[in-house]
Amino acid sequence: MRTGTRTAAWPLALLAAVLLVALLAGPARAADPPAQHTLGAAHGERLTFNIHWQGVPAGRGTLAFDRAGEQDFVLTATLNSAGAVDLFFKVEDVVTARGVVDARGLSSRHYLKTQLEGRLRRRSECTFDRQADRVTCQVNQEAPEIIEGIAGNVNDPITTLYLIRAHLDFAPGATLYIPLLDGKKWYMARVDIGQPERKFTPLGWFDVIPVHPQLKTSQLFRHRGGITVWLTNDDRRMPVRVETKVRIGAVAADLVGYADGRGGRATLHEQPKP
């Protein structure tokens, strides 16, 4: 059994990308909080993605968003290998982020990522201390590492993706700068927002806006070249497709099912009309 940092390129690249906004059937639904109209994800949202590497089916991913009361939230992302890939390189990754909704939007408190990728077993955990402006992170049984002097609104990768979806300054042609904690450091991630377009997906046609996060290559974001995420051009800003290049080839994720937490839902066999 191995516990080192090396791992296959496509699982983490895709987890980062689909984790970047935006992965599938999440945990049991919590009691409904007071109804409210919000930008981005709504309580109870469930997104399911098919993942392809070089056009070959490679896995399935999910994203789930839940509110627990008026302030707390839970984000859950999963990534599992499928088909032929599952036979020679099994992947079972789970990421959970917990935090509160405050004046800054979403604010991380705890981040946990467990990875099963081939022979790799890895557990990464970070706890945010907002009052002390620091984060304590630990990998497996290694000594905890304290990251001092973090920005007050810095968040883990998955929470950052949901912040992009709900950002008040999100607009065609805009550029956002969002603090991101990635591994043992944090930095200001640049996010370029494109112009509205129409895109065909396995669920049919959607009005979308392409988003181009400019991310540094790191332990989590193992992409090679740019990442593009197409979000629906409505209040949901729901990711319908993600594309990125990895060390060998390219990876794409397509939305194949959703329950948007607002009453809307669709599956691969219930396509919206053009």
C-alpha atoms as a PDB file:
ATOM      1  CA  MET A   1       0.000   0.000   0.000  1.00  0.00           C
ATOM      2  CA  ARG A   2       1.218   3.462  -0.928  1.00  0.00           C
ATOM      3  CA  THR A   3       0.507   6.768   0.802  1.00  0.00           C
ATOM      4  CA  GLY A   4       2.700   9.095  -1.230  1.00  0.00           C
ATOM      5  CA  THR A   5       1.617  12.171  -3.170  1.00  0.00           C
ATOM      6  CA  ARG A   6       1.885  10.735  -6.671  1.00  0.00           C
ATOM      7  CA  THR A   7      -1.353   9.796  -8.381  1.00  0.00           C
ATOM      8  CA  ALA A   8      -2.913   9.443 -11.818  1.00  0.00           C
ATOM      9  CA  ALA A   9      -3.516  12.640 -13.748  1.00  0.00           C
ATOM     10  CA  TRP A  10      -7.133  12.350 -14.819  1.00  0.00           C
ATOM     11  CA  PRO A  11      -8.859  11.718 -11.462  1.00  0.00           C
ATOM     12  CA  LEU A  12      -7.479  14.789  -9.711  1.00  0.00           C
ATOM     13  CA  ALA A  13      -7.650  16.997 -12.792  1.00  0.00           C
ATOM     14  CA  LEU A  14     -11.304  16.243 -13.192  1.00  0.00           C
ATOM     15  CA  LEU A  15     -12.059  16.397  -9.517  1.00  0.00           C
ATOM     16  CA  ALA A  16     -10.520  19.868  -9.568  1.00  0.00           C
ATOM     17  CA  ALA A  17     -12.390  20.967 -12.642  1.00  0.00           C
ATOM     18  CA  VAL A  18     -15.806  19.622 -11.811  1.00  0.00           C
ATOM     19  CA  LEU A  19     -15.010  20.489  -8.253  1.00  0.00           C
ATOM     20  CA  LEU A  20     -14.409  23.805  -9.631  1.00  0.00           C
ATOM     21  CA  VAL A  21     -17.949  24.708  -9.985  1.00  0.00           C
ATOM     22  CA  ALA A  22     -18.111  22.952  -9.952  1.00  0.00           C
ATOM     23  CA  LEU A  23     -19.688  16.297  -8.913  1.00  0.00           C
ATOM     24  CA  LEU A  24     -23.386  13.279  -7.507  1.00  0.00           C
ATOM     25  CA  ALA A  25     -25.939  11.765  -5.445  1.00  0.00           C
ATOM     26  CA  GLY A  26     -24.933  13.336  -2.184  1.00  0.00           C
ATOM     27  CA  PRO A  27     -25.746  12.652   1.454  1.00  0.00           C
ATOM     28  CA  ALA A  28     -29.214  12.417   2.927  1.00  0.00           C
ATOM     29  CA  ARG A  29     -31.065  15.698   2.644  1.00  0.00           C
ATOM     30  CA  ALA A  30     -31.219  17.839   5.753  1.00  0.00           C
ATOM     31  CA  ALA A  31     -34.386  19.526   6.976  1.00  0.00           C
ATOM     32  CA  ASP A  32     -35.402  22.340   4.630  1.00  0.00           C
ATOM     33  CA  PRO A  33     -34.292  25.806   5.769  1.00  0.00           C
ATOM     34  CA  PRO A  34     -36.493  28.859   5.194  1.00  0.00           C
ATOM     35  CA  ALA A  35     -37.128  29.255   1.446  1.00  0.00           C
ATOM     36  CA  GLN A  36     -35.086  31.937  -0.250  1.00  0.00           C
ATOM     37  CA  HIS A  37     -34.117  32.990  -3.764  1.00  0.00           C
ATOM     38  CA  THR A  38     -30.378  32.920  -4.266  1.00  0.00           C
ATOM     39  CA  LEU A  39     -27.781  32.977  -7.008  1.00  0.00           C
ATOM     40  CA  GLY A  40     -25.868  29.780  -7.600  1.00  0.00           C
ATOM     41  CA  ALA A  41     -26.667  26.510  -5.847  1.00  0.00           C
ATOM     42  CA  ALA A  42     -29.846  26.085  -3.814  1.00  0.00           C
ATOM     43  CA  HIS A  43     -30.407  23.744  -0.887  1.00  0.00           C
ATOM     44  CA  GLY A  44     -30.877  20.167  -2.086  1.00  0.00           C
ATOM     45  CA  GLU A  45     -29.095  20.650  -5.425  1.00  0.00           C
ATOM     46  CA  ARG A  46     -27.760  17.398  -6.908  1.00  0.00           C
ATOM     47  CA  LEU A  47     -25.644  17.258 -10.069  1.00  0.00           C
ATOM     48  CA  THR A  48     -24.492  14.105 -11.883  1.00  0.00           C
ATOM     49  CA  PHE A  49     -21.716  14.036 -14.485  1.00  0.00           C
ATOM     50  CA  ASN A  50     -20.363  11.493 -16.948  1.00  0.00           C
ATOM     51  CA  ILE A  51     -16.596  11.744 -17.302  1.00  0.00           C
ATOM     52  CA  HIS A  52     -14.674  11.001 -20.482  1.00  0.00           C
ATOM     53  CA  TRP A  53     -10.956  10.755 -21.125  1.00  0.00           C
ATOM     54  CA  GLN A  54     -10.034  11.158 -24.801  1.00  0.00           C
ATOM     55  CA  GLY A  55     -13.687  10.434 -25.593  1.00  0.00           C
ATOM     56  CA  VAL A  56     -13.664   7.129 -23.683  1.00  0.00           C
ATOM     57  CA  PRO A  57     -16.055   6.727 -20.711  1.00  0.00           C
ATOM     58  CA  ALA A  58     -13.903   6.888 -17.580  1.00  0.00           C
ATOM     59  CA  GLY A  59     -16.052   7.691 -14.570  1.00  0.00           C
ATOM     60  CA  ARG A  60     -18.974   9.281 -12.835  1.00  0.00           C
ATOM     61  CA  GLY A  61     -18.958  12.383 -10.645  1.00  0.00           C
ATOM     62  CA  THR A  62     -21.445  14.116  -8.374  1.00  0.00           C
ATOM     63  CA  LEU A  63     -21.893  17.417  -6.577  1.00  0.00           C
ATOM     64  CA  ALA A  64     -24.322  18.021  -3.722  1.00  0.00           C
ATOM     65  CA  PHE A  65     -25.199  21.214  -1.830  1.00  0.00           C
ATOM     66  CA  ASP A  66     -27.147  21.299   1.421  1.00  0.00           C
ATOM     67  CA  ARG A  67     -28.049  23.984   3.940  1.00  0.00           C
ATOM     68  CA  ALA A  68     -28.350  22.986   7.608  1.00  0.00           C
ATOM     69  CA  GLY A  69     -30.462  25.690   9.167  1.00  0.00           C
ATOM     70  CA  GLU A  70     -29.983  29.329   8.218  1.00  0.00           C
ATOM     71  CA  GLN A  71     -26.169  29.542   8.353  1.00  0.00           C
ATOM     72  CA  ASP A  72     -24.433  26.175   7.960  1.00  0.00           C
ATOM     73  CA  PHE A  73     -23.760  24.469   4.632  1.00  0.00           C
ATOM     74  CA  VAL A  74     -22.315  21.131   3.486  1.00  0.00           C
ATOM     75  CA  LEU A  75     -20.777  20.482   0.053  1.00  0.00           C
ATOM     76  CA  THR A  76     -20.080  16.931  -1.092  1.00  0.00           C
ATOM     77  CA  ALA A  77     -18.245  15.835  -4.241  1.00  0.00           C
ATOM     78  CA  THR A  78     -17.586  12.277  -5.383  1.00  0.00           C
ATOM     79  CA  LEU A  79     -15.558  10.810  -8.216  1.00  0.00           C
ATOM     80  CA  ASN A  80     -15.677   7.129  -9.180  1.00  0.00           C
ATOM     81  CA  SER A  81     -14.059   5.265 -12.024  1.00  0.00           C
ATOM     82  CA  ALA A  82     -16.270   3.317 -14.419  1.00  0.00           C
ATOM     83  CA  GLY A  83     -16.084   0.935 -17.359  1.00  0.00           C
ATOM     84  CA  ALA A  84     -12.703  -0.356 -18.470  1.00  0.00           C
ATOM     85  CA  VAL A  85     -10.886   2.234 -16.369  1.00  0.00           C
ATOM     86  CA  ASP A  86     -12.391   0.746 -13.213  1.00  0.00           C
ATOM     87  CA  LEU A  87     -10.841  -2.631 -14.044  1.00  0.00           C
ATOM     88  CA  PHE A  88      -7.223  -1.485 -14.130  1.00  0.00           C
ATOM     89  CA  PHE A  89      -7.276   1.723 -12.042  1.00  0.00           C
ATOM     90  CA  LYS A  90     -10.047   1.973  -9.483  1.00  0.00           C
ATOM     91  CA  VAL A  91     -10.910   5.473  -8.258  1.00  0.00           C
ATOM     92  CA  GLU A  92     -13.146   6.344  -5.279  1.00  0.00           C
ATOM     93  CA  ASP A  93     -12.599   9.959  -4.222  1.00  0.00           C
ATOM     94  CA  VAL A  94     -14.810  11.916  -1.814  1.00  0.00           C
ATOM     95  CA  VAL A  95     -14.514  15.588  -0.836  1.00  0.00           C
ATOM     96  CA  THR A  96     -16.600  17.219   1.886  1.00  0.00           C
ATOM     97  CA  ALA A  97     -16.530  20.913   2.793  1.00  0.00           C
ATOM     98  CA  ARG A  98     -18.439  22.398   5.722  1.00  0.00           C
ATOM     99  CA  GLY A  99     -18.846  26.036   6.640  1.00  0.00           C
ATOM    100  CA  VAL A 100     -21.164  28.953   7.244  1.00  0.00           C
ATOM    101  CA  VAL A 101     -22.975  31.497   5.111  1.00  0.00           C
ATOM    102  CA  ASP A 102     -21.890  34.998   6.130  1.00  0.00           C
ATOM    103  CA  ALA A 103     -21.411  38.474   4.666  1.00  0.00           C
ATOM    104  CA  ARG A 104     -18.681  37.108   2.349  1.00  0.00           C
ATOM    105  CA  GLY A 105     -20.953  34.414   0.974  1.00  0.00           C
ATOM    106  CA  LEU A 106     -19.681  30.945   1.851  1.00  0.00           C
ATOM    107  CA  SER A 107     -16.929  30.639   4.440  1.00  0.00           C
ATOM    108  CA  SER A 108     -15.057  27.337   4.946  1.00  0.00           C
ATOM    109  CA  ARG A 109     -14.651  25.810   8.380  1.00  0.00           C
ATOM    110  CA  HIS A 110     -13.582  22.275   7.571  1.00  0.00           C
ATOM    111  CA  TYR A 111     -12.364  20.469   4.430  1.00  0.00           C
ATOM    112  CA  LEU A 112     -11.814  16.718   4.061  1.00  0.00           C
ATOM    113  CA  LYS A 113     -10.635  14.818   0.993  1.00  0.00           C
ATOM    114  CA  THR A 114     -10.245  11.032   0.917  1.00  0.00           C
ATOM    115  CA  GLN A 115      -8.649   9.386  -2.103  1.00  0.00           C
ATOM    116  CA  LEU A 116      -8.576   5.787  -3.237  1.00  0.00           C
ATOM    117  CA  GLU A 117      -6.778   5.746  -6.594  1.00  0.00           C
ATOM    118  CA  GLY A 118      -5.216   2.452  -7.588  1.00  0.00           C
ATOM    119  CA  ARG A 119      -2.925   1.567  -4.669  1.00  0.00           C
ATOM    120  CA  LEU A 120      -2.940   5.114  -3.325  1.00  0.00           C
ATOM    121  CA  ARG A 121      -4.712   5.808  -0.032  1.00  0.00           C
ATOM    122  CA  ARG A 122      -4.673   9.440   1.055  1.00  0.00           C
ATOM    123  CA  ARG A 123      -6.591  11.523   3.582  1.00  0.00           C
ATOM    124  CA  SER A 124      -6.210  15.324   3.526  1.00  0.00           C
ATOM    125  CA  GLU A 125      -7.899  17.519   6.110  1.00  0.00           C
ATOM    126  CA  CYS A 126      -7.903  21.278   6.764  1.00  0.00           C
ATOM    127  CA  THR A 127      -9.484  23.244   9.602  1.00  0.00           C
ATOM    128  CA  PHE A 128      -9.984  27.013   9.273  1.00  0.00           C
ATOM    129  CA  ASP A 129      -9.471  29.339  12.250  1.00  0.00           C
ATOM    130  CA  ARG A 130     -10.975  32.606  11.022  1.00  0.00           C
ATOM    131  CA  GLN A 131     -10.222  34.598  14.165  1.00  0.00           C
ATOM    132  CA  ALA A 132      -6.530  33.694  14.063  1.00  0.00           C
ATOM    133  CA  ASP A 133      -6.249  33.980  10.229  1.00  0.00           C
ATOM    134  CA  ARG A 134      -4.757  30.523   9.887  1.00  0.00           C
ATOM    135  CA  VAL A 135      -5.484  27.051   8.565  1.00  0.00           C
ATOM    136  CA  THR A 136      -4.240  23.757  10.019  1.00  0.00           C
ATOM    137  CA  CYS A 137      -3.818  20.967   7.453  1.00  0.00           C
ATOM    138  CA  GLN A 138      -2.813  17.333   7.831  1.00  0.00           C
ATOM    139  CA  VAL A 139      -2.157  14.555   5.309  1.00  0.00           C
ATOM    140  CA  ASN A 140      -2.590  10.992   6.571  1.00  0.00           C
ATOM    141  CA  GLN A 141      -0.641  10.630   9.835  1.00  0.00           C
ATOM    142  CA  GLU A 142       1.937  13.279   9.010  1.00  0.00           C
ATOM    143  CA  ALA A 143       2.549  16.154  11.403  1.00  0.00           C
ATOM    144  CA  PRO A 144      -0.072  18.921  11.019  1.00  0.00           C
ATOM    145  CA  GLU A 145       1.064  22.028   9.168  1.00  0.00           C
ATOM    146  CA  ILE A 146      -0.162  25.505  10.120  1.00  0.00           C
ATOM    147  CA  ILE A 147      -0.592  28.118   7.378  1.00  0.00           C
ATOM    148  CA  GLU A 148      -0.491  31.594   8.902  1.00  0.00           C
ATOM    149  CA  GLY A 149      -1.659  34.932   7.553  1.00  0.00           C
ATOM    150  CA  ILE A 150      -4.432  33.729   5.283  1.00  0.00           C
ATOM    151  CA  ALA A 151      -6.852  36.229   3.777  1.00  0.00           C
ATOM    152  CA  GLY A 152     -10.108  36.524   5.678  1.00  0.00           C
ATOM    153  CA  ASN A 153     -12.139  35.213   2.747  1.00  0.00           C
ATOM    154  CA  VAL A 154      -9.827  32.423   1.525  1.00  0.00           C
ATOM    155  CA  ASN A 155     -11.567  29.057   1.056  1.00  0.00           C
ATOM    156  CA  ASP A 156     -10.915  25.470   0.039  1.00  0.00           C
ATOM    157  CA  PRO A 157     -11.217  24.536  -3.671  1.00  0.00           C
ATOM    158  CA  ILE A 158     -14.774  23.152  -3.668  1.00  0.00           C
ATOM    159  CA  THR A 159     -16.205  26.053  -1.650  1.00  0.00           C
ATOM    160  CA  THR A 160     -14.418  28.469  -3.987  1.00  0.00           C
ATOM    161  CA  LEU A 161     -16.188  26.892  -6.953  1.00  0.00           C
ATOM    162  CA  TYR A 162     -19.583  27.511  -5.377  1.00  0.00           C
ATOM    163  CA  LEU A 163     -18.545  31.080  -4.550  1.00  0.00           C
ATOM    164  CA  ILE A 164     -17.874  31.689  -8.243  1.00  0.00           C
ATOM    165  CA  ARG A 165     -21.375  30.500  -9.102  1.00  0.00           C
ATOM    166  CA  ALA A 166     -22.959  32.870  -6.571  1.00  0.00           C
ATOM    167  CA  HIS A 167     -20.612  35.843  -7.046  1.00  0.00           C
ATOM    168  CA  LEU A 168     -22.483  39.162  -7.274  1.00  0.00           C
ATOM    169  CA  ASP A 169     -19.936  40.546  -9.784  1.00  0.00           C
ATOM    170  CA  PHE A 170     -20.358  37.570 -12.139  1.00  0.00           C
ATOM    171  CA  ALA A 171     -21.101  39.059 -15.578  1.00  0.00           C
ATOM    172  CA  PRO A 172     -20.129  38.432 -19.218  1.00  0.00           C
ATOM    173  CA  GLY A 173     -16.658  39.821 -19.929  1.00  0.00           C
ATOM    174  CA  ALA A 174     -15.814  40.330 -16.241  1.00  0.00           C
ATOM    175  CA  THR A 175     -12.696  39.104 -14.428  1.00  0.00           C
ATOM    176  CA  LEU A 176     -12.899  37.937 -10.822  1.00  0.00           C
ATOM    177  CA  TYR A 177     -10.034  37.513  -8.351  1.00  0.00           C
ATOM    178  CA  ILE A 178     -10.839  35.016  -5.619  1.00  0.00           C
ATOM    179  CA  PRO A 179      -8.498  33.825  -2.821  1.00  0.00           C
ATOM    180  CA  LEU A 180      -7.987  30.054  -2.971  1.00  0.00           C
ATOM    181  CA  LEU A 181      -6.293  27.646  -0.565  1.00  0.00           C
ATOM    182  CA  ASP A 182      -4.585  24.867  -2.505  1.00  0.00           C
ATOM    183  CA  GLY A 183      -2.359  22.472  -0.627  1.00  0.00           C
ATOM    184  CA  LYS A 184       0.116  24.339   1.584  1.00  0.00           C
ATOM    185  CA  LYS A 185      -0.408  27.807   0.137  1.00  0.00           C
ATOM    186  CA  TRP A 186      -3.073  30.281  -0.887  1.00  0.00           C
ATOM    187  CA  TYR A 187      -3.177  32.724  -3.775  1.00  0.00           C
ATOM    188  CA  MET A 188      -5.533  34.984  -5.712  1.00  0.00           C
ATOM    189  CA  ALA A 189      -7.067  32.890  -8.475  1.00  0.00           C
ATOM    190  CA  ARG A 190      -8.088  34.768 -11.609  1.00  0.00           C
ATOM    191  CA  VAL A 191     -11.402  33.794 -13.221  1.00  0.00           C
ATOM    192  CA  ASP A 192     -12.218  35.131 -16.702  1.00  0.00           C
ATOM    193  CA  ILE A 193     -15.886  35.111 -17.723  1.00  0.00           C
ATOM    194  CA  GLY A 194     -16.756  34.808 -21.408  1.00  0.00           C
ATOM    195  CA  GLN A 195     -19.757  35.848 -23.473  1.00  0.00           C
ATOM    196  CA  PRO A 196     -23.176  34.131 -23.591  1.00  0.00           C
ATOM    197  CA  GLU A 197     -23.622  31.303 -26.083  1.00  0.00           C
ATOM    198  CA  ARG A 198     -25.746  28.233 -26.774  1.00  0.00           C
ATOM    199  CA  LYS A 199     -24.322  24.786 -26.065  1.00  0.00           C
ATOM    200  CA  PHE A 200     -25.606  21.297 -26.817  1.00  0.00           C
ATOM    201  CA  THR A 201     -25.177  18.727 -24.032  1.00  0.00           C
ATOM    202  CA  PRO A 202     -26.445  15.207 -23.315  1.00  0.00           C
ATOM    203  CA  LEU A 203     -29.445  16.922 -21.684  1.00  0.00           C
ATOM    204  CA  GLY A 204     -30.129  19.094 -24.744  1.00  0.00           C
ATOM    205  CA  TRP A 205     -29.486  22.775 -25.475  1.00  0.00           C
ATOM    206  CA  PHE A 206     -28.631  25.297 -22.759  1.00  0.00           C
ATOM    207  CA  ASP A 207     -27.977  29.039 -22.733  1.00  0.00           C
ATOM    208  CA  VAL A 208     -24.556  29.193 -21.103  1.00  0.00           C
ATOM    209  CA  ILE A 209     -21.627  31.410 -20.181  1.00  0.00           C
ATOM    210  CA  PRO A 210     -18.092  29.944 -20.413  1.00  0.00           C
ATOM    211  CA  VAL A 211     -15.843  30.495 -17.409  1.00  0.00           C
ATOM    212  CA  HIS A 212     -12.046  30.202 -17.576  1.00  0.00           C
ATOM    213  CA  PRO A 213     -10.352  29.799 -14.159  1.00  0.00           C
ATOM    214  CA  GLN A 214      -6.623  30.610 -14.337  1.00  0.00           C
ATOM    215  CA  LEU A 215      -5.280  28.112 -11.810  1.00  0.00           C
ATOM    216  CA  LYS A 216      -1.719  27.317 -10.854  1.00  0.00           C
ATOM    217  CA  THR A 217      -0.553  23.746 -11.365  1.00  0.00           C
ATOM    218  CA  SER A 218      -0.530  22.071  -7.977  1.00  0.00           C
ATOM    219  CA  GLN A 219      -1.225  18.872  -6.102  1.00  0.00           C
ATOM    220  CA  LEU A 220      -4.967  19.192  -6.671  1.00  0.00           C
ATOM    221  CA  PHE A 221      -5.212  21.001 -10.024  1.00  0.00           C
ATOM    222  CA  ARG A 222      -3.139  18.659 -12.197  1.00  0.00           C
ATOM    223  CA  HIS A 223      -4.260  20.211 -15.472  1.00  0.00           C
ATOM    224  CA  ARG A 224      -2.084  21.034 -18.454  1.00  0.00           C
ATOM    225  CA  GLY A 225      -3.409  24.155 -20.135  1.00  0.00           C
ATOM    226  CA  GLY A 226      -6.697  25.872 -19.478  1.00  0.00           C
ATOM    227  CA  ILE A 227      -9.877  24.763 -17.785  1.00  0.00           C
ATOM    228  CA  THR A 228     -13.236  25.808 -19.210  1.00  0.00           C
ATOM    229  CA  VAL A 229     -16.536  25.440 -17.381  1.00  0.00           C
ATOM    230  CA  TRP A 230     -19.868  26.227 -19.055  1.00  0.00           C
ATOM    231  CA  LEU A 231     -22.445  27.553 -16.562  1.00  0.00           C
ATOM    232  CA  THR A 232     -26.122  28.016 -17.320  1.00  0.00           C
ATOM    233  CA  ASN A 233     -26.991  31.650 -18.064  1.00  0.00           C
ATOM    234  CA  ASP A 234     -29.583  31.949 -15.303  1.00  0.00           C
ATOM    235  CA  ASP A 235     -29.693  32.324 -11.527  1.00  0.00           C
ATOM    236  CA  ARG A 236     -28.616  28.700 -11.019  1.00  0.00           C
ATOM    237  CA  ARG A 237     -25.292  29.085 -12.866  1.00  0.00           C
ATOM    238  CA  MET A 238     -25.236  25.328 -13.043  1.00  0.00           C
ATOM    239  CA  PRO A 239     -22.192  23.641 -14.663  1.00  0.00           C
ATOM    240  CA  VAL A 240     -23.213  21.632 -17.743  1.00  0.00           C
ATOM    241  CA  ARG A 241     -19.760  20.820 -19.153  1.00  0.00           C
ATOM    242  CA  VAL A 242     -16.138  20.980 -18.021  1.00  0.00           C
ATOM    243  CA  GLU A 243     -13.072  20.550 -20.249  1.00  0.00           C
ATOM    244  CA  THR A 244      -9.397  20.452 -19.329  1.00  0.00           C
ATOM    245  CA  LYS A 245      -6.143  18.971 -20.576  1.00  0.00           C
ATOM    246  CA  VAL A 246      -4.104  16.598 -18.437  1.00  0.00           C
ATOM    247  CA  ARG A 247      -0.656  15.059 -18.776  1.00  0.00           C
ATOM    248  CA  ILE A 248      -1.928  12.593 -21.344  1.00  0.00           C
ATOM    249  CA  GLY A 249      -4.806  13.849 -23.477  1.00  0.00           C
ATOM    250  CA  ALA A 250      -7.912  15.680 -22.374  1.00  0.00           C
ATOM    251  CA  VAL A 251     -10.756  15.126 -19.910  1.00  0.00           C
ATOM    252  CA  ALA A 252     -14.367  16.292 -20.162  1.00  0.00           C
ATOM    253  CA  ALA A 253     -17.360  16.058 -17.830  1.00  0.00           C
ATOM    254  CA  ASP A 254     -20.952  16.371 -19.060  1.00  0.00           C
ATOM    255  CA  LEU A 255     -23.994  16.995 -16.888  1.00  0.00           C
ATOM    256  CA  VAL A 256     -26.347  14.024 -17.321  1.00  0.00           C
ATOM    257  CA  GLY A 257     -28.772  14.604 -14.467  1.00  0.00           C
ATOM    258  CA  TYR A 258     -29.763  17.268 -11.985  1.00  0.00           C
ATOM    259  CA  ALA A 259     -32.200  18.339  -9.310  1.00  0.00           C
ATOM    260  CA  ASP A 260     -31.627  22.077  -8.943  1.00  0.00           C
ATOM    261  CA  GLY A 261     -33.144  22.527  -5.483  1.00  0.00           C
ATOM    262  CA  ARG A 262     -35.701  24.926  -6.976  1.00  0.00           C
ATOM    263  CA  GLY A 263     -38.090  22.288  -8.289  1.00  0.00           C
ATOM    264  CA  GLY A 264     -36.379  21.733 -11.630  1.00  0.00           C
ATOM    265  CA  ARG A 265     -34.920  18.367 -12.551  1.00  0.00           C
ATOM    266  CA  ALA A 266     -33.851  16.381 -15.595  1.00  0.00           C
ATOM    267  CA  THR A 267     -32.098  13.143 -16.497  1.00  0.00           C
ATOM    268  CA  LEU A 268     -30.481  11.888 -19.649  1.00  0.00           C
ATOM    269  CA  HIS A 269     -33.863  10.506 -20.789  1.00  0.00           C
ATOM    270  CA  GLU A 270     -35.800  13.718 -20.061  1.00  0.00           C
ATOM    271  CA  GLN A 271     -34.145  16.294 -22.305  1.00  0.00           C
ATOM    272  CA  PRO A 272     -35.293  19.937 -22.237  1.00  0.00           C
ATOM    273  CA  LYS A 273     -36.753  21.302 -25.450  1.00  0.00           C
ATOM    274  CA  PRO A 274     -34.416  23.445 -27.667  1.00  0.00           C
END
